[in-house]
């Protein structure tokens, strides 16, 4: 008589396949969890990037406004310096005239009055 084949062979295959299925399900669950975490991180980084871009745009706007203000102030300074130089043409001889008159310096008074009348 022939002896029946042991039944442990097919049973071993079923156990190994079952273990592989459990392992694959665990790996799939881990991959899904990691993917969800990465997606959340990506969304947070995207929000941060949007905030930084908005802040940068606002800073560029303020910089443009500041640059325009600096240009206006520089133009104002140039106009005031030109006006100051023009006023000094009259004020300096007038001051010399007053000093010469106060000091009774007739030699300096005549030329100072002449320069004052030419420039004022």
N, C-alpha and C. Protein backbone atom coordinates (compact mmCIF):
# COMPACT_ATOMS: atom_id res chain seq x y z
N UNK A 1 0.81 -1.16 0.00
CA UNK A 1 0.00 0.00 0.00
C UNK A 1 0.86 1.23 0.00
N UNK A 2 0.29 2.11 -0.53
CA UNK A 2 1.01 3.38 -0.57
C UNK A 2 0.49 4.27 0.54
N UNK A 3 1.39 4.91 1.11
CA UNK A 3 1.01 5.78 2.22
C UNK A 3 0.56 7.14 1.67
N UNK A 4 -0.43 7.73 2.31
CA UNK A 4 -0.89 9.04 1.83
C UNK A 4 0.17 10.11 2.08
N UNK A 5 0.16 11.05 1.21
CA UNK A 5 1.11 12.17 1.33
C UNK A 5 0.74 13.03 2.54
N UNK A 6 1.72 13.52 3.19
CA UNK A 6 1.38 14.36 4.33
C UNK A 6 0.68 15.65 3.88
N UNK A 7 -0.27 16.09 4.65
CA UNK A 7 -1.07 17.27 4.30
C UNK A 7 -0.42 18.57 4.74
N UNK A 8 0.73 18.53 5.34
CA UNK A 8 1.37 19.72 5.85
C UNK A 8 1.90 20.61 4.73
N UNK A 9 2.14 20.08 3.55
CA UNK A 9 2.65 20.88 2.43
C UNK A 9 1.69 21.97 2.00
N UNK A 10 0.44 21.62 1.66
CA UNK A 10 -0.49 22.68 1.26
C UNK A 10 -0.82 23.62 2.42
N UNK A 11 -0.84 23.08 3.61
CA UNK A 11 -1.16 23.93 4.76
C UNK A 11 -0.05 24.96 4.97
N UNK A 12 1.18 24.56 4.79
CA UNK A 12 2.32 25.47 4.93
C UNK A 12 2.22 26.58 3.90
N UNK A 13 1.84 26.24 2.68
CA UNK A 13 1.70 27.25 1.61
C UNK A 13 0.62 28.26 1.98
N UNK A 14 -0.49 27.79 2.52
CA UNK A 14 -1.59 28.68 2.92
C UNK A 14 -1.14 29.61 4.03
N UNK A 15 -0.39 29.09 4.98
CA UNK A 15 0.10 29.92 6.10
C UNK A 15 1.07 30.98 5.58
N UNK A 16 1.98 30.60 4.68
CA UNK A 16 2.94 31.55 4.12
C UNK A 16 2.22 32.61 3.31
N UNK A 17 1.26 32.19 2.48
CA UNK A 17 0.49 33.17 1.68
C UNK A 17 -0.33 34.09 2.59
N UNK A 18 -0.89 33.56 3.64
CA UNK A 18 -1.64 34.39 4.59
C UNK A 18 -0.74 35.41 5.26
N UNK A 19 0.46 34.99 5.62
CA UNK A 19 1.41 35.91 6.25
C UNK A 19 1.82 37.00 5.26
N UNK A 20 2.00 36.60 4.00
CA UNK A 20 2.34 37.61 2.97
C UNK A 20 1.20 38.61 2.77
N UNK A 21 -0.04 38.13 2.79
CA UNK A 21 -1.20 39.01 2.65
C UNK A 21 -1.25 40.00 3.81
N UNK A 22 -1.06 39.50 5.02
CA UNK A 22 -1.05 40.39 6.20
C UNK A 22 0.08 41.40 6.10
N UNK A 23 1.23 40.96 5.66
CA UNK A 23 2.37 41.85 5.49
C UNK A 23 2.10 42.92 4.43
N UNK A 24 1.49 42.52 3.32
CA UNK A 24 1.16 43.49 2.26
C UNK A 24 0.09 44.48 2.73
N UNK A 25 -0.87 44.03 3.48
CA UNK A 25 -1.90 44.94 4.01
C UNK A 25 -1.25 45.93 4.98
N UNK A 26 -0.36 45.47 5.82
CA UNK A 26 0.35 46.37 6.75
C UNK A 26 1.20 47.39 6.00
N UNK A 27 1.91 46.92 4.96
CA UNK A 27 2.73 47.85 4.17
C UNK A 27 1.85 48.87 3.46
N UNK A 28 0.70 48.44 2.96
CA UNK A 28 -0.23 49.37 2.30
C UNK A 28 -0.75 50.41 3.28
N UNK A 29 -1.10 49.97 4.48
CA UNK A 29 -1.59 50.91 5.49
C UNK A 29 -0.49 51.91 5.86
N UNK A 30 0.73 51.43 5.98
CA UNK A 30 1.85 52.32 6.29
C UNK A 30 2.08 53.32 5.16
N UNK A 31 2.02 52.85 3.91
CA UNK A 31 2.20 53.75 2.76
C UNK A 31 1.11 54.80 2.71
N UNK A 32 -0.13 54.41 2.99
CA UNK A 32 -1.24 55.38 2.98
C UNK A 32 -1.04 56.41 4.09
N UNK A 33 -0.64 55.96 5.27
CA UNK A 33 -0.40 56.88 6.39
C UNK A 33 0.72 57.86 6.06
N UNK A 34 1.81 57.35 5.52
CA UNK A 34 2.93 58.23 5.15
C UNK A 34 2.53 59.20 4.04
N UNK A 35 1.77 58.73 3.08
CA UNK A 35 1.32 59.60 2.00
C UNK A 35 0.44 60.73 2.53
N UNK A 36 -0.46 60.40 3.44
CA UNK A 36 -1.34 61.42 4.03
C UNK A 36 -0.51 62.44 4.80
N UNK A 37 0.49 61.97 5.54
CA UNK A 37 1.36 62.90 6.28
C UNK A 37 2.13 63.81 5.35
N UNK A 38 2.65 63.26 4.28
CA UNK A 38 3.41 64.07 3.31
C UNK A 38 2.49 65.09 2.65
N UNK A 39 1.26 64.67 2.34
CA UNK A 39 0.31 65.59 1.71
C UNK A 39 -0.01 66.74 2.66
N UNK A 40 -0.19 66.43 3.95
CA UNK A 40 -0.46 67.49 4.94
C UNK A 40 0.74 68.44 5.04
N UNK A 41 1.94 67.88 5.07
CA UNK A 41 3.14 68.73 5.11
C UNK A 41 3.24 69.60 3.88
N UNK A 42 2.92 69.03 2.73
CA UNK A 42 2.96 69.80 1.48
C UNK A 42 1.95 70.95 1.53
N UNK A 43 0.76 70.69 2.05
CA UNK A 43 -0.25 71.74 2.16
C UNK A 43 0.21 72.85 3.10
N UNK A 44 0.83 72.47 4.22
CA UNK A 44 1.34 73.48 5.16
C UNK A 44 2.45 74.31 4.52
N UNK A 45 3.34 73.65 3.81
CA UNK A 45 4.43 74.38 3.15
C UNK A 45 3.89 75.28 2.05
N UNK A 46 2.85 74.83 1.38
CA UNK A 46 2.23 75.66 0.35
C UNK A 46 1.61 76.91 0.97
N UNK A 47 0.97 76.76 2.13
CA UNK A 47 0.41 77.91 2.83
C UNK A 47 1.51 78.87 3.28
N UNK A 48 2.60 78.31 3.80
CA UNK A 48 3.72 79.17 4.21
C UNK A 48 4.31 79.91 3.02
N UNK A 49 4.43 79.23 1.90
CA UNK A 49 4.94 79.87 0.70
C UNK A 49 4.03 81.00 0.26
N UNK A 50 2.72 80.79 0.32
CA UNK A 50 1.77 81.85 -0.02
C UNK A 50 1.92 83.04 0.93
N UNK A 51 2.10 82.76 2.23
CA UNK A 51 2.26 83.85 3.20
C UNK A 51 3.54 84.63 2.94
N UNK A 52 4.62 83.91 2.66
CA UNK A 52 5.90 84.57 2.39
C UNK A 52 5.80 85.39 1.11
N UNK A 53 5.13 84.85 0.10
CA UNK A 53 4.97 85.59 -1.16
C UNK A 53 4.15 86.86 -0.95
N UNK A 54 3.11 86.75 -0.15
CA UNK A 54 2.28 87.92 0.16
C UNK A 54 3.09 88.97 0.92
N UNK A 55 3.84 88.51 1.92
CA UNK A 55 4.67 89.44 2.71
C UNK A 55 5.72 90.10 1.82
N UNK A 56 6.29 89.34 0.90
CA UNK A 56 7.30 89.89 -0.01
C UNK A 56 6.68 90.94 -0.92
N UNK A 57 5.49 90.66 -1.43
CA UNK A 57 4.81 91.63 -2.29
C UNK A 57 4.50 92.92 -1.52
N UNK A 58 4.04 92.76 -0.28
CA UNK A 58 3.75 93.94 0.55
C UNK A 58 5.03 94.73 0.81
N UNK A 59 6.12 94.03 1.10
CA UNK A 59 7.39 94.71 1.35
C UNK A 59 7.88 95.43 0.11
N UNK A 60 7.69 94.83 -1.07
CA UNK A 60 8.09 95.50 -2.30
C UNK A 60 7.24 96.76 -2.53
N UNK A 61 5.96 96.69 -2.19
CA UNK A 61 5.10 97.87 -2.30
C UNK A 61 5.57 98.98 -1.38
N UNK A 62 5.89 98.60 -0.13
CA UNK A 62 6.38 99.62 0.81
C UNK A 62 7.71 100.19 0.34
N UNK A 63 8.56 99.34 -0.21
CA UNK A 63 9.85 99.79 -0.71
C UNK A 63 9.67 100.78 -1.86
N UNK A 64 8.74 100.49 -2.75
CA UNK A 64 8.48 101.40 -3.87
C UNK A 64 7.99 102.75 -3.35
N UNK A 65 7.09 102.71 -2.36
CA UNK A 65 6.60 103.95 -1.76
C UNK A 65 7.71 104.72 -1.07
N UNK A 66 8.57 104.00 -0.37
CA UNK A 66 9.68 104.64 0.32
C UNK A 66 10.66 105.25 -0.68
N UNK A 67 10.92 104.53 -1.76
CA UNK A 67 11.82 105.04 -2.79
C UNK A 67 11.24 106.32 -3.41
N UNK A 68 9.95 106.31 -3.66
CA UNK A 68 9.31 107.51 -4.21
C UNK A 68 9.42 108.67 -3.21
N UNK A 69 9.22 108.39 -1.91
CA UNK A 69 9.34 109.43 -0.90
C UNK A 69 10.77 109.96 -0.83
N UNK A 70 11.74 109.08 -0.93
CA UNK A 70 13.14 109.50 -0.91
C UNK A 70 13.44 110.41 -2.10
N UNK A 71 12.91 110.04 -3.27
CA UNK A 71 13.12 110.88 -4.46
C UNK A 71 12.48 112.26 -4.28
N UNK A 72 11.27 112.29 -3.70
CA UNK A 72 10.61 113.58 -3.46
C UNK A 72 11.42 114.43 -2.48
N UNK A 73 11.91 113.80 -1.42
CA UNK A 73 12.70 114.54 -0.43
C UNK A 73 13.99 115.04 -1.06
N UNK A 74 14.64 114.21 -1.87
CA UNK A 74 15.88 114.63 -2.53
C UNK A 74 15.61 115.81 -3.48
N UNK A 75 14.50 115.77 -4.20
CA UNK A 75 14.15 116.91 -5.06
C UNK A 75 13.88 118.16 -4.24
N UNK A 76 13.19 117.99 -3.11
CA UNK A 76 12.93 119.12 -2.23
C UNK A 76 14.22 119.72 -1.68
N UNK A 77 15.16 118.86 -1.30
CA UNK A 77 16.45 119.33 -0.80
C UNK A 77 17.18 120.11 -1.88
N UNK A 78 17.16 119.59 -3.10
CA UNK A 78 17.85 120.29 -4.20
C UNK A 78 17.21 121.65 -4.45
N UNK A 79 15.86 121.72 -4.42
CA UNK A 79 15.19 123.02 -4.61
C UNK A 79 15.54 123.99 -3.48
N UNK A 80 15.55 123.49 -2.24
CA UNK A 80 15.88 124.36 -1.10
C UNK A 80 17.33 124.83 -1.14
N UNK A 81 18.24 123.95 -1.56
CA UNK A 81 19.63 124.36 -1.67
C UNK A 81 19.81 125.43 -2.74
N UNK A 82 19.08 125.28 -3.86
CA UNK A 82 19.15 126.29 -4.92
C UNK A 82 18.57 127.61 -4.43
N UNK A 83 17.44 127.55 -3.71
CA UNK A 83 16.84 128.77 -3.16
C UNK A 83 17.75 129.40 -2.12
N UNK A 84 18.40 128.57 -1.30
CA UNK A 84 19.32 129.07 -0.29
C UNK A 84 20.50 129.80 -0.95
N UNK A 85 21.05 129.20 -2.00
CA UNK A 85 22.16 129.85 -2.70
C UNK A 85 21.71 131.19 -3.30
N UNK A 86 20.52 131.21 -3.86
CA UNK A 86 19.99 132.46 -4.45
C UNK A 86 19.77 133.52 -3.37
N UNK A 87 19.25 133.12 -2.23
CA UNK A 87 19.01 134.08 -1.14
C UNK A 87 20.32 134.59 -0.54
N UNK A 88 21.34 133.73 -0.50
CA UNK A 88 22.63 134.16 0.03
C UNK A 88 23.27 135.24 -0.84
N UNK A 89 22.93 135.25 -2.12
CA UNK A 89 23.48 136.30 -3.00
C UNK A 89 23.05 137.67 -2.52
N UNK A 90 21.85 137.76 -1.94
CA UNK A 90 21.36 139.04 -1.43
C UNK A 90 21.68 139.20 0.06
N UNK A 91 21.56 138.11 0.81
CA UNK A 91 21.69 138.20 2.27
C UNK A 91 23.12 138.52 2.70
N UNK A 92 24.12 137.91 2.04
CA UNK A 92 25.50 138.14 2.46
C UNK A 92 25.92 139.60 2.27
N UNK A 93 25.64 140.22 1.10
CA UNK A 93 25.99 141.65 0.98
C UNK A 93 25.18 142.53 1.95
N UNK A 94 23.91 142.16 2.20
CA UNK A 94 23.10 142.95 3.13
C UNK A 94 23.68 142.84 4.54
N UNK A 95 24.13 141.64 4.93
CA UNK A 95 24.75 141.46 6.24
C UNK A 95 26.04 142.28 6.32
N UNK A 96 26.85 142.27 5.23
CA UNK A 96 28.08 143.06 5.22
C UNK A 96 27.76 144.55 5.34
N UNK A 97 26.66 144.97 4.70
CA UNK A 97 26.25 146.39 4.79
C UNK A 97 25.89 146.74 6.23
N UNK A 98 25.14 145.88 6.89
CA UNK A 98 24.74 146.14 8.27
C UNK A 98 25.95 146.17 9.18
N UNK A 99 26.88 145.25 9.00
CA UNK A 99 28.08 145.22 9.84
C UNK A 99 28.92 146.47 9.61
N UNK A 100 29.06 146.88 8.34
CA UNK A 100 29.86 148.07 8.04
C UNK A 100 29.20 149.31 8.63
N UNK A 101 27.88 149.40 8.56
CA UNK A 101 27.17 150.56 9.11
C UNK A 101 27.28 150.57 10.63
N UNK A 102 27.17 149.41 11.25
CA UNK A 102 27.28 149.32 12.71
C UNK A 102 28.67 149.74 13.18
N UNK A 103 29.70 149.34 12.42
CA UNK A 103 31.07 149.63 12.80
C UNK A 103 31.55 150.99 12.30
N UNK A 104 30.66 151.75 11.65
CA UNK A 104 31.02 153.05 11.05
C UNK A 104 32.22 152.91 10.13
N UNK A 105 32.25 151.83 9.33
CA UNK A 105 33.34 151.58 8.39
C UNK A 105 32.87 152.05 7.01
N UNK A 106 33.16 153.35 6.69
CA UNK A 106 32.71 153.92 5.42
C UNK A 106 33.40 153.27 4.23
N UNK A 107 34.61 152.77 4.40
CA UNK A 107 35.34 152.14 3.29
C UNK A 107 34.67 150.83 2.89
N UNK A 108 34.14 150.08 3.85
CA UNK A 108 33.48 148.80 3.54
C UNK A 108 32.01 149.00 3.23
N UNK A 109 31.42 150.11 3.70
CA UNK A 109 29.99 150.34 3.52
C UNK A 109 29.62 150.57 2.06
N UNK A 110 30.39 151.35 1.34
CA UNK A 110 30.07 151.66 -0.06
C UNK A 110 30.03 150.41 -0.93
N UNK A 111 31.11 149.58 -0.94
CA UNK A 111 31.06 148.37 -1.77
C UNK A 111 29.98 147.39 -1.32
N UNK A 112 29.73 147.27 -0.01
CA UNK A 112 28.70 146.36 0.47
C UNK A 112 27.33 146.78 0.01
N UNK A 113 27.06 148.09 0.04
CA UNK A 113 25.76 148.60 -0.45
C UNK A 113 25.64 148.35 -1.94
N UNK A 114 26.73 148.52 -2.67
CA UNK A 114 26.73 148.27 -4.11
C UNK A 114 26.41 146.81 -4.44
N UNK A 115 27.05 145.89 -3.72
CA UNK A 115 26.78 144.47 -3.96
C UNK A 115 25.34 144.12 -3.56
N UNK A 116 24.86 144.71 -2.47
CA UNK A 116 23.49 144.45 -2.03
C UNK A 116 22.50 144.95 -3.07
N UNK A 117 22.72 146.12 -3.61
CA UNK A 117 21.78 146.65 -4.61
C UNK A 117 21.85 145.86 -5.91
N UNK A 118 23.03 145.30 -6.25
CA UNK A 118 23.14 144.49 -7.47
C UNK A 118 22.42 143.14 -7.31
N UNK A 119 22.47 142.56 -6.12
CA UNK A 119 21.95 141.20 -5.94
C UNK A 119 20.55 141.14 -5.34
N UNK A 120 20.09 142.25 -4.80
CA UNK A 120 18.77 142.22 -4.17
C UNK A 120 17.83 142.91 -5.11
